[in-house]
Structures are given as C-alpha cells and as structure tokens.
Amino acid sequence: MHWAIGILLFVATVAVMEGVAYAAHRWVMHGPGWFLHASHHAPRMGNWELNDLYAVIFAVPSIVLLLGGVQLGWWPGFTWIGAGIAAYGAIYFGFHDVIVHRRIATRYLPRSRYMKRIVQAHRLHHAVETKHGTVSFGFLIAPAPEALKAELKARGRAGVRAPARSGTPGPDLR
C-alpha cells in the first residue's frame, strides 16, 4: 500500500473516532455501561476509577488491527486504521485526563479559544451527576458553552450537581 493512502486512512480514522467516541459516550457509557462510567461522574478516590476500564476496552480493536496488519499478514490498511485508533486514544488521554481532569500534574493552562471551549464543555458535562440530562458527549468537537448552559437551564437543572461544600462554586449555569 502506498504510504499516502496509509496516511489518509490514519487521518480519516482519527476523525471518525470522534464520532465513535461521541456515540459510545452518549449511548453506551450513559446507557447500559453506566455501571462503569458512574465512577467518572463521582469524586475520585485514589488514582483509578472503574471508568478507566473503558480505555482498555477501546484499546482492543486498535491492538487487534495493529497485530493483524503488522504480524498476521492482514490488509496493510488495518495497520494504519489501528494506529489511527491508538492516536485518537492518546489525544483523548492528553485532553481529557491530563488537561481537563488533571490526573497528571501539569502547569498547562488553556489559553486558546478552542481549548477553553472544550474544557468548559466537558466541565458542563460533569455538572450533571446522573446518567440522564447530561450535555456535550463529544470531546474534540464541543458545542458552545452558552448553548450547553441554555440546554441545562431549559431542563430545569435536573441532575445538576450541588455546589461543593468546601466553598468552591458549582458550575456557572447562568
């Protein structure tokens, strides 16, 4: 396979993975998979949460495609697709776990409009602590925070997390 086709497959896979992640988050994690994902909407105790098992689950197709494409003689495009899935996973980890949830200490502060938008959209997603009534299920493509706040307000703030008792304010839904 020509390398240019491989690069195209890789980039297309990374782009398609945002849609896959959106669908999995909205209809699996906030559906029948809530028993794992609920831990992500609750205060974390320790370094790990049950929701982290999703990273393992979502890595399986990437590993299988990479193994098949590199070692088992499958169609070479599978290597590029597997690499694209892995790249999306790495990008997601960087944005979600490092930048938004700060699971790894860093001094990074979002300054660009894009980074501020995805961080705020994800925080508004976490403003709801229940399985239902949540907004913003994508990650690299996020709706405007103003639209998300309006959607939460229109729902009568159902399921919206109460302000923390430590005196830190809850989500700004004005």
N, C-alpha and C. Protein backbone atom coordinates (compact mmCIF):
# COMPACT_ATOMS: atom_id res chain seq x y z
N MET A 1 0.85 -1.18 0.00
CA MET A 1 0.00 0.00 0.00
C MET A 1 0.89 1.24 0.00
N HIS A 2 0.53 2.20 -0.81
CA HIS A 2 1.28 3.45 -0.88
C HIS A 2 1.14 4.19 0.46
N TRP A 3 2.21 4.82 0.92
CA TRP A 3 2.21 5.49 2.21
C TRP A 3 1.17 6.62 2.29
N ALA A 4 0.90 7.30 1.16
CA ALA A 4 -0.07 8.40 1.15
C ALA A 4 -1.47 7.89 1.46
N ILE A 5 -1.81 6.72 0.95
CA ILE A 5 -3.10 6.12 1.26
C ILE A 5 -3.15 5.75 2.75
N GLY A 6 -2.04 5.26 3.26
CA GLY A 6 -1.95 4.92 4.68
C GLY A 6 -2.16 6.15 5.55
N ILE A 7 -1.51 7.24 5.20
CA ILE A 7 -1.67 8.49 5.97
C ILE A 7 -3.12 8.96 5.91
N LEU A 8 -3.73 8.86 4.74
CA LEU A 8 -5.13 9.24 4.58
C LEU A 8 -6.03 8.37 5.47
N LEU A 9 -5.79 7.07 5.49
CA LEU A 9 -6.54 6.16 6.36
C LEU A 9 -6.35 6.53 7.84
N PHE A 10 -5.12 6.84 8.20
CA PHE A 10 -4.80 7.22 9.58
C PHE A 10 -5.58 8.47 9.99
N VAL A 11 -5.49 9.53 9.18
CA VAL A 11 -6.15 10.80 9.50
C VAL A 11 -7.68 10.63 9.51
N ALA A 12 -8.21 9.88 8.53
CA ALA A 12 -9.65 9.64 8.49
C ALA A 12 -10.11 8.87 9.73
N THR A 13 -9.30 7.92 10.17
CA THR A 13 -9.66 7.14 11.36
C THR A 13 -9.69 8.03 12.59
N VAL A 14 -8.70 8.90 12.75
CA VAL A 14 -8.69 9.81 13.90
C VAL A 14 -9.97 10.67 13.87
N ALA A 15 -10.35 11.16 12.71
CA ALA A 15 -11.55 12.00 12.59
C ALA A 15 -12.81 11.20 12.90
N VAL A 16 -12.92 9.99 12.36
CA VAL A 16 -14.10 9.15 12.58
C VAL A 16 -14.22 8.76 14.05
N MET A 17 -13.08 8.62 14.73
CA MET A 17 -13.10 8.21 16.14
C MET A 17 -13.81 9.22 17.03
N GLU A 18 -13.85 10.49 16.65
CA GLU A 18 -14.61 11.45 17.46
C GLU A 18 -16.09 11.08 17.42
N GLY A 19 -16.59 10.68 16.27
CA GLY A 19 -17.98 10.23 16.17
C GLY A 19 -18.22 8.94 16.93
N VAL A 20 -17.28 8.02 16.85
CA VAL A 20 -17.39 6.76 17.59
C VAL A 20 -17.37 7.04 19.10
N ALA A 21 -16.47 7.93 19.53
CA ALA A 21 -16.38 8.28 20.95
C ALA A 21 -17.67 8.95 21.41
N TYR A 22 -18.23 9.84 20.60
CA TYR A 22 -19.49 10.51 20.93
C TYR A 22 -20.59 9.47 21.13
N ALA A 23 -20.74 8.56 20.16
CA ALA A 23 -21.80 7.54 20.23
C ALA A 23 -21.60 6.62 21.43
N ALA A 24 -20.37 6.19 21.66
CA ALA A 24 -20.10 5.31 22.80
C ALA A 24 -20.37 6.03 24.12
N HIS A 25 -19.99 7.29 24.19
CA HIS A 25 -20.20 8.05 25.42
C HIS A 25 -21.70 8.28 25.68
N ARG A 26 -22.40 8.69 24.65
CA ARG A 26 -23.82 9.02 24.83
C ARG A 26 -24.71 7.80 25.03
N TRP A 27 -24.52 6.77 24.19
CA TRP A 27 -25.46 5.66 24.20
C TRP A 27 -24.96 4.39 24.90
N VAL A 28 -23.68 4.31 25.20
CA VAL A 28 -23.17 3.15 25.94
C VAL A 28 -22.82 3.57 27.37
N MET A 29 -21.93 4.55 27.50
CA MET A 29 -21.50 4.96 28.84
C MET A 29 -22.63 5.57 29.66
N HIS A 30 -23.49 6.34 29.01
CA HIS A 30 -24.65 6.92 29.70
C HIS A 30 -25.88 6.07 29.47
N GLY A 31 -25.67 4.83 29.09
CA GLY A 31 -26.73 3.84 28.91
C GLY A 31 -26.38 2.60 29.70
N PRO A 32 -26.31 1.45 29.02
CA PRO A 32 -26.05 0.20 29.75
C PRO A 32 -24.67 0.14 30.40
N GLY A 33 -23.73 0.96 29.96
CA GLY A 33 -22.39 0.96 30.55
C GLY A 33 -22.22 1.92 31.71
N TRP A 34 -23.33 2.48 32.20
CA TRP A 34 -23.26 3.45 33.30
C TRP A 34 -22.62 2.85 34.55
N PHE A 35 -22.76 1.52 34.73
CA PHE A 35 -22.20 0.89 35.93
C PHE A 35 -20.69 1.11 36.01
N LEU A 36 -20.02 1.30 34.90
CA LEU A 36 -18.59 1.65 34.90
C LEU A 36 -18.40 3.17 34.88
N HIS A 37 -19.17 3.86 34.05
CA HIS A 37 -18.96 5.29 33.82
C HIS A 37 -19.39 6.15 35.01
N ALA A 38 -20.31 5.65 35.85
CA ALA A 38 -20.77 6.42 37.01
C ALA A 38 -19.61 6.86 37.88
N SER A 39 -18.57 6.05 37.94
CA SER A 39 -17.40 6.39 38.77
C SER A 39 -16.72 7.66 38.28
N HIS A 40 -16.88 7.96 37.00
CA HIS A 40 -16.25 9.15 36.43
C HIS A 40 -17.04 10.42 36.76
N HIS A 41 -18.30 10.27 37.13
CA HIS A 41 -19.13 11.42 37.49
C HIS A 41 -19.21 11.59 39.00
N ALA A 42 -18.44 10.83 39.73
CA ALA A 42 -18.39 10.93 41.19
C ALA A 42 -16.98 11.35 41.59
N PRO A 43 -16.82 11.91 42.78
CA PRO A 43 -15.46 12.26 43.22
C PRO A 43 -14.57 11.02 43.23
N ARG A 44 -13.38 11.15 42.67
CA ARG A 44 -12.46 10.02 42.56
C ARG A 44 -11.77 9.77 43.88
N MET A 45 -11.71 8.51 44.24
CA MET A 45 -10.98 8.09 45.44
C MET A 45 -9.75 7.32 44.97
N GLY A 46 -8.59 7.94 45.03
CA GLY A 46 -7.37 7.29 44.56
C GLY A 46 -7.07 7.64 43.11
N ASN A 47 -6.14 6.90 42.53
CA ASN A 47 -5.69 7.21 41.17
C ASN A 47 -6.56 6.62 40.08
N TRP A 48 -7.34 5.61 40.39
CA TRP A 48 -8.09 4.88 39.37
C TRP A 48 -9.58 4.93 39.67
N GLU A 49 -10.36 4.71 38.61
CA GLU A 49 -11.81 4.61 38.74
C GLU A 49 -12.27 3.51 37.79
N LEU A 50 -13.43 2.95 38.04
CA LEU A 50 -13.95 1.88 37.17
C LEU A 50 -14.02 2.32 35.71
N ASN A 51 -14.33 3.58 35.49
CA ASN A 51 -14.42 4.12 34.13
C ASN A 51 -13.13 3.91 33.34
N ASP A 52 -11.99 3.77 34.01
CA ASP A 52 -10.72 3.56 33.32
C ASP A 52 -10.71 2.26 32.53
N LEU A 53 -11.59 1.34 32.85
CA LEU A 53 -11.68 0.10 32.08
C LEU A 53 -12.08 0.36 30.63
N TYR A 54 -12.77 1.48 30.38
CA TYR A 54 -13.13 1.82 29.00
C TYR A 54 -11.88 2.03 28.14
N ALA A 55 -10.82 2.54 28.70
CA ALA A 55 -9.58 2.71 27.93
C ALA A 55 -9.06 1.36 27.47
N VAL A 56 -9.15 0.37 28.33
CA VAL A 56 -8.71 -0.99 27.98
C VAL A 56 -9.64 -1.57 26.90
N ILE A 57 -10.94 -1.41 27.10
CA ILE A 57 -11.93 -1.92 26.14
C ILE A 57 -11.71 -1.30 24.76
N PHE A 58 -11.52 0.03 24.72
CA PHE A 58 -11.37 0.72 23.44
C PHE A 58 -10.00 0.49 22.80
N ALA A 59 -9.03 0.03 23.57
CA ALA A 59 -7.71 -0.28 23.02
C ALA A 59 -7.70 -1.60 22.27
N VAL A 60 -8.62 -2.49 22.59
CA VAL A 60 -8.62 -3.83 21.98
C VAL A 60 -8.70 -3.79 20.45
N PRO A 61 -9.65 -3.04 19.84
CA PRO A 61 -9.67 -3.01 18.37
C PRO A 61 -8.36 -2.49 17.77
N SER A 62 -7.78 -1.49 18.41
CA SER A 62 -6.51 -0.94 17.92
C SER A 62 -5.42 -2.01 17.95
N ILE A 63 -5.31 -2.70 19.06
CA ILE A 63 -4.28 -3.74 19.21
C ILE A 63 -4.50 -4.85 18.20
N VAL A 64 -5.74 -5.29 18.04
CA VAL A 64 -6.04 -6.37 17.10
C VAL A 64 -5.71 -5.95 15.66
N LEU A 65 -6.09 -4.73 15.27
CA LEU A 65 -5.80 -4.26 13.91
C LEU A 65 -4.30 -4.08 13.68
N LEU A 66 -3.59 -3.55 14.66
CA LEU A 66 -2.14 -3.41 14.53
C LEU A 66 -1.47 -4.78 14.43
N LEU A 67 -1.86 -5.70 15.28
CA LEU A 67 -1.29 -7.05 15.24
C LEU A 67 -1.58 -7.72 13.90
N GLY A 68 -2.84 -7.64 13.47
CA GLY A 68 -3.20 -8.26 12.20
C GLY A 68 -2.48 -7.63 11.02
N GLY A 69 -2.40 -6.32 11.00
CA GLY A 69 -1.76 -5.62 9.88
C GLY A 69 -0.25 -5.79 9.85
N VAL A 70 0.38 -5.86 11.03
CA VAL A 70 1.85 -5.91 11.09
C VAL A 70 2.37 -7.36 11.11
N GLN A 71 1.71 -8.22 11.88
CA GLN A 71 2.26 -9.56 12.11
C GLN A 71 1.51 -10.70 11.41
N LEU A 72 0.23 -10.54 11.17
CA LEU A 72 -0.56 -11.67 10.69
C LEU A 72 -0.86 -11.63 9.20
N GLY A 73 -0.33 -10.66 8.50
CA GLY A 73 -0.50 -10.60 7.05
C GLY A 73 -1.85 -10.12 6.57
N TRP A 74 -2.60 -9.46 7.43
CA TRP A 74 -3.87 -8.90 7.01
C TRP A 74 -3.62 -7.73 6.07
N TRP A 75 -4.67 -7.16 5.52
CA TRP A 75 -4.60 -6.00 4.65
C TRP A 75 -3.80 -4.90 5.35
N PRO A 76 -2.80 -4.32 4.69
CA PRO A 76 -1.95 -3.31 5.33
C PRO A 76 -2.70 -2.08 5.85
N GLY A 77 -3.84 -1.79 5.31
CA GLY A 77 -4.64 -0.66 5.78
C GLY A 77 -5.05 -0.80 7.23
N PHE A 78 -5.17 -2.06 7.68
CA PHE A 78 -5.54 -2.28 9.08
C PHE A 78 -4.49 -1.71 10.03
N THR A 79 -3.24 -1.72 9.62
CA THR A 79 -2.18 -1.15 10.46
C THR A 79 -2.42 0.35 10.64
N TRP A 80 -2.73 1.03 9.55
CA TRP A 80 -2.96 2.48 9.61
C TRP A 80 -4.23 2.81 10.40
N ILE A 81 -5.27 2.00 10.25
CA ILE A 81 -6.51 2.22 10.99
C ILE A 81 -6.26 1.97 12.48
N GLY A 82 -5.57 0.89 12.80
CA GLY A 82 -5.23 0.60 14.20
C GLY A 82 -4.40 1.72 14.81
N ALA A 83 -3.47 2.25 14.03
CA ALA A 83 -2.64 3.36 14.51
C ALA A 83 -3.49 4.62 14.71
N GLY A 84 -4.47 4.84 13.85
CA GLY A 84 -5.37 5.99 13.99
C GLY A 84 -6.21 5.90 15.25
N ILE A 85 -6.70 4.69 15.56
CA ILE A 85 -7.47 4.49 16.79
C ILE A 85 -6.57 4.76 18.00
N ALA A 86 -5.34 4.25 17.95
CA ALA A 86 -4.39 4.48 19.05
C ALA A 86 -4.07 5.97 19.19
N ALA A 87 -3.91 6.66 18.07
CA ALA A 87 -3.61 8.10 18.12
C ALA A 87 -4.77 8.87 18.74
N TYR A 88 -6.01 8.51 18.37
CA TYR A 88 -7.16 9.18 18.98
C TYR A 88 -7.15 8.93 20.48
N GLY A 89 -6.85 7.71 20.88
CA GLY A 89 -6.78 7.39 22.31
C GLY A 89 -5.74 8.24 23.03
N ALA A 90 -4.60 8.43 22.40
CA ALA A 90 -3.54 9.26 23.00
C ALA A 90 -3.97 10.73 23.08
N ILE A 91 -4.60 11.22 22.01
CA ILE A 91 -5.09 12.61 22.01
C ILE A 91 -6.15 12.78 23.09
N TYR A 92 -7.07 11.84 23.15
CA TYR A 92 -8.13 11.87 24.16
C TYR A 92 -7.54 11.86 25.56
N PHE A 93 -6.56 10.99 25.80
CA PHE A 93 -5.91 10.93 27.12
C PHE A 93 -5.29 12.29 27.47
N GLY A 94 -4.59 12.88 26.51
CA GLY A 94 -3.95 14.17 26.76
C GLY A 94 -4.96 15.26 27.10
N PHE A 95 -6.02 15.36 26.31
CA PHE A 95 -7.03 16.38 26.57
C PHE A 95 -7.83 16.07 27.82
N HIS A 96 -8.37 14.86 27.88
CA HIS A 96 -9.32 14.51 28.93
C HIS A 96 -8.67 14.30 30.29
N ASP A 97 -7.71 13.42 30.35
CA ASP A 97 -7.14 13.06 31.65
C ASP A 97 -6.08 14.04 32.14
N VAL A 98 -5.30 14.59 31.22
CA VAL A 98 -4.23 15.50 31.64
C VAL A 98 -4.73 16.93 31.74
N ILE A 99 -5.34 17.45 30.69
CA ILE A 99 -5.72 18.87 30.67
C ILE A 99 -7.01 19.14 31.45
N VAL A 100 -8.07 18.36 31.20
CA VAL A 100 -9.36 18.65 31.84
C VAL A 100 -9.39 18.16 33.28
N HIS A 101 -9.10 16.88 33.49
CA HIS A 101 -9.24 16.31 34.84
C HIS A 101 -7.96 16.35 35.67
N ARG A 102 -6.87 16.76 35.05
CA ARG A 102 -5.60 16.95 35.77
C ARG A 102 -5.17 15.72 36.58
N ARG A 103 -5.30 14.56 35.95
CA ARG A 103 -4.89 13.32 36.62
C ARG A 103 -3.37 13.19 36.65
N ILE A 104 -2.72 13.97 35.83
CA ILE A 104 -1.25 14.06 35.85
C ILE A 104 -0.95 15.54 36.04
N ALA A 105 -0.12 15.85 37.02
CA ALA A 105 0.18 17.24 37.33
C ALA A 105 0.86 17.93 36.15
N THR A 106 0.38 19.10 35.84
CA THR A 106 0.95 19.91 34.76
C THR A 106 0.67 21.38 35.06
N ARG A 107 1.47 22.23 34.52
CA ARG A 107 1.25 23.68 34.69
C ARG A 107 0.50 24.28 33.51
N TYR A 108 0.07 23.43 32.59
CA TYR A 108 -0.62 23.91 31.39
C TYR A 108 -1.94 24.57 31.77
N LEU A 109 -2.18 25.74 31.21
CA LEU A 109 -3.46 26.43 31.33
C LEU A 109 -3.98 26.69 29.93
N PRO A 110 -5.22 26.30 29.65
CA PRO A 110 -5.78 26.55 28.32
C PRO A 110 -5.87 28.05 28.06
N ARG A 111 -5.33 28.47 26.95
CA ARG A 111 -5.37 29.90 26.60
C ARG A 111 -6.13 30.15 25.30
N SER A 112 -6.08 29.19 24.37
CA SER A 112 -6.76 29.40 23.09
C SER A 112 -8.27 29.26 23.28
N ARG A 113 -9.01 29.90 22.40
CA ARG A 113 -10.48 29.81 22.47
C ARG A 113 -10.93 28.37 22.33
N TYR A 114 -10.28 27.61 21.45
CA TYR A 114 -10.65 26.21 21.24
C TYR A 114 -10.45 25.40 22.52
N MET A 115 -9.28 25.51 23.12
CA MET A 115 -9.00 24.72 24.33
C MET A 115 -9.93 25.11 25.47
N LYS A 116 -10.18 26.40 25.64
CA LYS A 116 -11.10 26.85 26.69
C LYS A 116 -12.50 26.28 26.44
N ARG A 117 -12.90 26.24 25.18
CA ARG A 117 -14.23 25.75 24.82
C ARG A 117 -14.38 24.26 25.15
N ILE A 118 -13.42 23.43 24.78
CA ILE A 118 -13.58 22.00 25.05
C ILE A 118 -13.48 21.70 26.55
N VAL A 119 -12.64 22.45 27.26
CA VAL A 119 -12.53 22.24 28.70
C VAL A 119 -13.86 22.63 29.37
N GLN A 120 -14.40 23.79 29.02
CA GLN A 120 -15.65 24.23 29.64
C GLN A 120 -16.81 23.31 29.26
N ALA A 121 -16.85 22.86 28.01
CA ALA A 121 -17.92 21.94 27.59
C ALA A 121 -17.86 20.64 28.39
N HIS A 122 -16.66 20.14 28.62
CA HIS A 122 -16.54 18.90 29.38
C HIS A 122 -16.90 19.12 30.85
N ARG A 123 -16.55 20.26 31.38
CA ARG A 123 -16.92 20.55 32.77
C ARG A 123 -18.43 20.69 32.91
N LEU A 124 -19.09 21.25 31.90
CA LEU A 124 -20.55 21.33 31.92
C LEU A 124 -21.16 19.93 31.80
N HIS A 125 -20.50 19.05 31.07
CA HIS A 125 -20.94 17.65 31.02
C HIS A 125 -20.93 17.05 32.43
N HIS A 126 -19.90 17.36 33.19
CA HIS A 126 -19.77 16.83 34.54
C HIS A 126 -20.60 17.60 35.57
N ALA A 127 -21.24 18.69 35.18
CA ALA A 127 -22.12 19.40 36.10
C ALA A 127 -23.31 18.53 36.47
N VAL A 128 -23.66 17.59 35.60
CA VAL A 128 -24.76 16.67 35.86
C VAL A 128 -24.15 15.39 36.40
N GLU A 129 -24.65 14.95 37.54
CA GLU A 129 -24.06 13.77 38.18
C GLU A 129 -24.88 12.51 37.95
N THR A 130 -25.93 12.61 37.15
CA THR A 130 -26.77 11.46 36.88
C THR A 130 -26.53 10.94 35.47
N LYS A 131 -27.10 9.79 35.21
CA LYS A 131 -26.98 9.13 33.91
C LYS A 131 -27.69 9.93 32.81
N HIS A 132 -28.77 10.60 33.18
CA HIS A 132 -29.61 11.32 32.21
C HIS A 132 -29.45 12.83 32.39
N GLY A 133 -29.77 13.57 31.34
CA GLY A 133 -29.78 15.02 31.42
C GLY A 133 -28.44 15.67 31.17
N THR A 134 -27.45 14.89 30.78
CA THR A 134 -26.11 15.41 30.55
C THR A 134 -26.02 16.05 29.17
N VAL A 135 -25.10 16.97 29.01
CA VAL A 135 -24.86 17.63 27.72
C VAL A 135 -23.42 17.37 27.28
N SER A 136 -23.15 17.60 26.01
CA SER A 136 -21.80 17.55 25.46
C SER A 136 -21.11 16.19 25.63
N PHE A 137 -21.36 15.30 24.67
CA PHE A 137 -20.80 13.95 24.74
C PHE A 137 -19.55 13.78 23.90
N GLY A 138 -19.30 14.67 22.97
CA GLY A 138 -18.07 14.60 22.19
C GLY A 138 -16.92 15.13 23.01
N PHE A 139 -15.75 15.15 22.39
CA PHE A 139 -14.65 15.71 23.16
C PHE A 139 -13.81 16.68 22.36
N LEU A 140 -13.39 16.30 21.19
CA LEU A 140 -12.54 17.19 20.41
C LEU A 140 -13.37 18.23 19.65
N ILE A 141 -14.66 17.93 19.49
CA ILE A 141 -15.59 18.88 18.89
C ILE A 141 -16.66 19.13 19.95
N ALA A 142 -16.72 20.35 20.45
CA ALA A 142 -17.63 20.65 21.55
C ALA A 142 -18.55 21.80 21.18
N PRO A 143 -19.82 21.69 21.57
CA PRO A 143 -20.74 22.81 21.35
C PRO A 143 -20.31 24.02 22.17
N ALA A 144 -20.82 25.17 21.81
CA ALA A 144 -20.52 26.39 22.55
C ALA A 144 -21.04 26.27 23.98
N PRO A 145 -20.25 26.65 24.97
CA PRO A 145 -20.69 26.57 26.36
C PRO A 145 -22.01 27.30 26.62
N GLU A 146 -22.26 28.41 25.93
CA GLU A 146 -23.50 29.15 26.11
C GLU A 146 -24.70 28.28 25.73
N ALA A 147 -24.58 27.51 24.65
CA ALA A 147 -25.66 26.62 24.23
C ALA A 147 -25.86 25.50 25.25
N LEU A 148 -24.78 24.99 25.79
CA LEU A 148 -24.88 23.92 26.79
C LEU A 148 -25.53 24.43 28.07
N LYS A 149 -25.16 25.64 28.50
CA LYS A 149 -25.76 26.24 29.70
C LYS A 149 -27.26 26.45 29.49
N ALA A 150 -27.63 26.92 28.30
CA ALA A 150 -29.04 27.14 28.00
C ALA A 150 -29.80 25.81 28.01
N GLU A 151 -29.20 24.76 27.48
CA GLU A 151 -29.83 23.45 27.47
C GLU A 151 -30.03 22.93 28.90
N LEU A 152 -29.03 23.07 29.75
CA LEU A 152 -29.16 22.65 31.15
C LEU A 152 -30.23 23.46 31.87
N LYS A 153 -30.26 24.76 31.61
CA LYS A 153 -31.24 25.64 32.25
C LYS A 153 -32.65 25.28 31.80
N ALA A 154 -32.81 24.97 30.50
CA ALA A 154 -34.13 24.60 29.96
C ALA A 154 -34.64 23.30 30.58
N ARG A 155 -33.75 22.45 31.01
CA ARG A 155 -34.14 21.19 31.64
C ARG A 155 -34.47 21.37 33.12
N GLY A 156 -34.43 22.60 33.58
CA GLY A 156 -34.73 22.87 34.97
C GLY A 156 -33.63 22.42 35.91
N ARG A 157 -32.42 22.33 35.38
CA ARG A 157 -31.23 21.96 36.17
C ARG A 157 -31.35 20.56 36.78
N ALA A 158 -32.18 19.70 36.18
CA ALA A 158 -32.37 18.34 36.69
C ALA A 158 -31.03 17.60 36.70
N GLY A 159 -30.70 17.05 37.86
CA GLY A 159 -29.48 16.26 37.99
C GLY A 159 -28.21 17.06 38.14
N VAL A 160 -28.32 18.41 38.12
CA VAL A 160 -27.12 19.25 38.21
C VAL A 160 -26.53 19.13 39.61
N ARG A 161 -25.25 18.92 39.63
CA ARG A 161 -24.51 18.75 40.88
C ARG A 161 -24.65 19.98 41.76
N ALA A 162 -24.86 19.75 43.04
CA ALA A 162 -24.92 20.86 44.00
C ALA A 162 -23.53 21.44 44.18
N PRO A 163 -23.44 22.71 44.55
CA PRO A 163 -22.11 23.30 44.79
C PRO A 163 -21.36 22.51 45.86
N ALA A 164 -20.05 22.43 45.70
CA ALA A 164 -19.22 21.70 46.66
C ALA A 164 -19.30 22.37 48.02
N ARG A 165 -19.19 21.58 49.06
CA ARG A 165 -19.30 22.11 50.42
C ARG A 165 -18.06 22.87 50.86
N SER A 166 -16.97 22.66 50.17
CA SER A 166 -15.72 23.30 50.58
C SER A 166 -15.70 24.79 50.26
N GLY A 167 -16.79 25.28 49.73
CA GLY A 167 -16.86 26.70 49.42
C GLY A 167 -16.54 26.99 47.96
N THR A 168 -16.10 25.97 47.20
CA THR A 168 -15.85 26.19 45.78
C THR A 168 -17.16 26.23 45.05
N PRO A 169 -17.33 27.14 44.15
CA PRO A 169 -18.62 27.28 43.47
C PRO A 169 -18.88 26.09 42.54
N GLY A 170 -20.17 25.81 42.36
CA GLY A 170 -20.56 24.79 41.40
C GLY A 170 -20.47 25.35 40.00
N PRO A 171 -21.00 24.63 39.02
CA PRO A 171 -20.92 25.11 37.64
C PRO A 171 -21.72 26.38 37.45
N ASP A 172 -21.22 27.28 36.66
CA ASP A 172 -21.90 28.53 36.37
C ASP A 172 -22.88 28.28 35.24
N LEU A 173 -24.15 28.21 35.56
CA LEU A 173 -25.18 27.90 34.56
C LEU A 173 -26.05 29.10 34.23
N ARG A 174 -25.58 30.30 34.58
CA ARG A 174 -26.38 31.48 34.28
C ARG A 174 -26.62 31.64 32.81
